[in-house]
Amino acid sequence: MRTALQIITDHYAASDRKDIAAMMAEVAPDVQWTEMAGFPCAGTHVGPAQVIEKVFKVLGSAWDDELEPFRLAGEGAPVTFLHQVV
């Protein structure tokens, strides 16, 4: 069985390749993906199609003023990543 770390590592490697199919390979059909308030894709998005449309496509578009502070956070910035692998 793959570990949570392996799944997350593969997800971000796929993101670097812009391979959405591989990014979604381990995502459950009933996924509930929540992005923090204040972020352009804020809210809870249910199902892979909503995650792709409402999160990945938004984050894959050009950075705007709202996203710029996150892009520049860089090494050493505090980051919270919560996940549940079932």
C-alpha atoms as a PDB file:
ATOM      1  CA  MET A   1       0.000   0.000   0.000  1.00  0.00           C
ATOM      2  CA  ARG A   2       1.270   3.440  -0.915  1.00  0.00           C
ATOM      3  CA  THR A   3       1.902   5.874   1.895  1.00  0.00           C
ATOM      4  CA  ALA A   4       0.273   9.293   2.149  1.00  0.00           C
ATOM      5  CA  LEU A   5       3.699  10.826   1.476  1.00  0.00           C
ATOM      6  CA  GLN A   6       4.059   8.824  -1.757  1.00  0.00           C
ATOM      7  CA  ILE A   7       0.602   9.879  -2.906  1.00  0.00           C
ATOM      8  CA  ILE A   8       1.242  13.574  -2.189  1.00  0.00           C
ATOM      9  CA  THR A   9       4.732  13.436  -3.741  1.00  0.00           C
ATOM     10  CA  ASP A  10       3.334  11.862  -6.917  1.00  0.00           C
ATOM     11  CA  HIS A  11       0.488  14.405  -6.995  1.00  0.00           C
ATOM     12  CA  TYR A  12       2.889  17.350  -6.939  1.00  0.00           C
ATOM     13  CA  ALA A  13       5.235  15.707  -9.441  1.00  0.00           C
ATOM     14  CA  ALA A  14       2.255  15.325 -11.784  1.00  0.00           C
ATOM     15  CA  SER A  15       1.357  18.967 -11.147  1.00  0.00           C
ATOM     16  CA  ASP A  16       4.868  19.994 -12.224  1.00  0.00           C
ATOM     17  CA  ARG A  17       4.293  18.056 -15.474  1.00  0.00           C
ATOM     18  CA  LYS A  18       0.807  19.611 -15.860  1.00  0.00           C
ATOM     19  CA  ASP A  19      -0.598  16.050 -15.930  1.00  0.00           C
ATOM     20  CA  ILE A  20      -4.084  16.475 -14.469  1.00  0.00           C
ATOM     21  CA  ALA A  21      -5.010  12.817 -15.003  1.00  0.00           C
ATOM     22  CA  ALA A  22      -2.058  11.721 -12.865  1.00  0.00           C
ATOM     23  CA  MET A  23      -2.832  14.440 -10.301  1.00  0.00           C
ATOM     24  CA  MET A  24      -6.324  12.993  -9.909  1.00  0.00           C
ATOM     25  CA  ALA A  25      -5.263   9.318  -9.967  1.00  0.00           C
ATOM     26  CA  GLU A  26      -5.603   8.842  -6.188  1.00  0.00           C
ATOM     27  CA  VAL A  27      -8.498  11.264  -5.684  1.00  0.00           C
ATOM     28  CA  ALA A  28     -11.761   9.641  -4.581  1.00  0.00           C
ATOM     29  CA  PRO A  29     -14.909  10.221  -6.659  1.00  0.00           C
ATOM     30  CA  ASP A  30     -16.533  11.882  -3.635  1.00  0.00           C
ATOM     31  CA  VAL A  31     -13.543  14.070  -2.719  1.00  0.00           C
ATOM     32  CA  GLN A  32     -14.259  17.221  -0.728  1.00  0.00           C
ATOM     33  CA  TRP A  33     -11.404  19.638  -1.436  1.00  0.00           C
ATOM     34  CA  THR A  34     -11.337  22.780   0.716  1.00  0.00           C
ATOM     35  CA  GLU A  35      -9.306  25.888  -0.055  1.00  0.00           C
ATOM     36  CA  MET A  36      -8.918  28.630   2.560  1.00  0.00           C
ATOM     37  CA  ALA A  37     -11.016  31.769   2.715  1.00  0.00           C
ATOM     38  CA  GLY A  38      -9.451  34.726   0.940  1.00  0.00           C
ATOM     39  CA  PHE A  39      -7.890  32.531  -1.727  1.00  0.00           C
ATOM     40  CA  PRO A  40      -9.298  32.942  -5.277  1.00  0.00           C
ATOM     41  CA  CYS A  41     -10.490  29.319  -5.266  1.00  0.00           C
ATOM     42  CA  ALA A  42     -11.814  29.468  -1.680  1.00  0.00           C
ATOM     43  CA  GLY A  43     -14.533  27.061  -0.646  1.00  0.00           C
ATOM     44  CA  THR A  44     -15.226  23.360  -0.583  1.00  0.00           C
ATOM     45  CA  HIS A  45     -15.354  21.676  -3.973  1.00  0.00           C
ATOM     46  CA  VAL A  46     -16.955  18.234  -4.257  1.00  0.00           C
ATOM     47  CA  GLY A  47     -15.908  15.670  -6.845  1.00  0.00           C
ATOM     48  CA  PRO A  48     -12.925  15.550  -9.201  1.00  0.00           C
ATOM     49  CA  ALA A  49     -14.588  17.695 -11.883  1.00  0.00           C
ATOM     50  CA  GLN A  50     -15.146  20.583  -9.436  1.00  0.00           C
ATOM     51  CA  VAL A  51     -11.608  20.271  -8.085  1.00  0.00           C
ATOM     52  CA  ILE A  52     -10.187  20.506 -11.590  1.00  0.00           C
ATOM     53  CA  GLU A  53     -12.454  23.377 -12.655  1.00  0.00           C
ATOM     54  CA  LYS A  54     -12.592  25.411  -9.436  1.00  0.00           C
ATOM     55  CA  VAL A  55      -9.093  24.783  -8.035  1.00  0.00           C
ATOM     56  CA  PHE A  56      -6.525  23.526 -10.547  1.00  0.00           C
ATOM     57  CA  LYS A  57      -7.658  25.715 -13.449  1.00  0.00           C
ATOM     58  CA  VAL A  58      -7.779  28.767 -11.171  1.00  0.00           C
ATOM     59  CA  LEU A  59      -4.335  28.059  -9.724  1.00  0.00           C
ATOM     60  CA  GLY A  60      -2.991  27.271 -13.188  1.00  0.00           C
ATOM     61  CA  SER A  61      -4.011  30.648 -14.569  1.00  0.00           C
ATOM     62  CA  ALA A  62      -1.849  33.734 -14.432  1.00  0.00           C
ATOM     63  CA  TRP A  63      -1.005  34.953 -10.933  1.00  0.00           C
ATOM     64  CA  ASP A  64      -2.928  38.037  -9.968  1.00  0.00           C
ATOM     65  CA  ASP A  65      -2.607  40.427  -7.036  1.00  0.00           C
ATOM     66  CA  GLU A  66      -4.540  38.088  -4.723  1.00  0.00           C
ATOM     67  CA  LEU A  67      -2.203  35.147  -5.363  1.00  0.00           C
ATOM     68  CA  GLU A  68       1.092  37.017  -5.527  1.00  0.00           C
ATOM     69  CA  PRO A  69       1.843  36.873  -1.760  1.00  0.00           C
ATOM     70  CA  PHE A  70       1.491  33.084  -1.855  1.00  0.00           C
ATOM     71  CA  ARG A  71       3.753  32.715  -4.896  1.00  0.00           C
ATOM     72  CA  LEU A  72       6.452  34.765  -3.221  1.00  0.00           C
ATOM     73  CA  ALA A  73       6.186  32.974   0.151  1.00  0.00           C
ATOM     74  CA  GLY A  74       9.098  30.728  -0.787  1.00  0.00           C
ATOM     75  CA  GLU A  75      11.368  28.592   1.336  1.00  0.00           C
ATOM     76  CA  GLY A  76      10.801  28.788   5.054  1.00  0.00           C
ATOM     77  CA  ALA A  77       7.310  30.293   4.873  1.00  0.00           C
ATOM     78  CA  PRO A  78       4.806  28.652   7.232  1.00  0.00           C
ATOM     79  CA  VAL A  79       2.555  26.243   5.350  1.00  0.00           C
ATOM     80  CA  THR A  80      -0.351  24.175   6.591  1.00  0.00           C
ATOM     81  CA  PHE A  81      -1.292  21.102   4.582  1.00  0.00           C
ATOM     82  CA  LEU A  82      -4.114  18.943   5.873  1.00  0.00           C
ATOM     83  CA  HIS A  83      -5.114  15.748   4.138  1.00  0.00           C
ATOM     84  CA  GLN A  84      -6.924  12.540   4.811  1.00  0.00           C
ATOM     85  CA  VAL A  85      -6.190   9.391   2.860  1.00  0.00           C
ATOM     86  CA  VAL A  86      -8.899   6.781   3.186  1.00  0.00           C
END
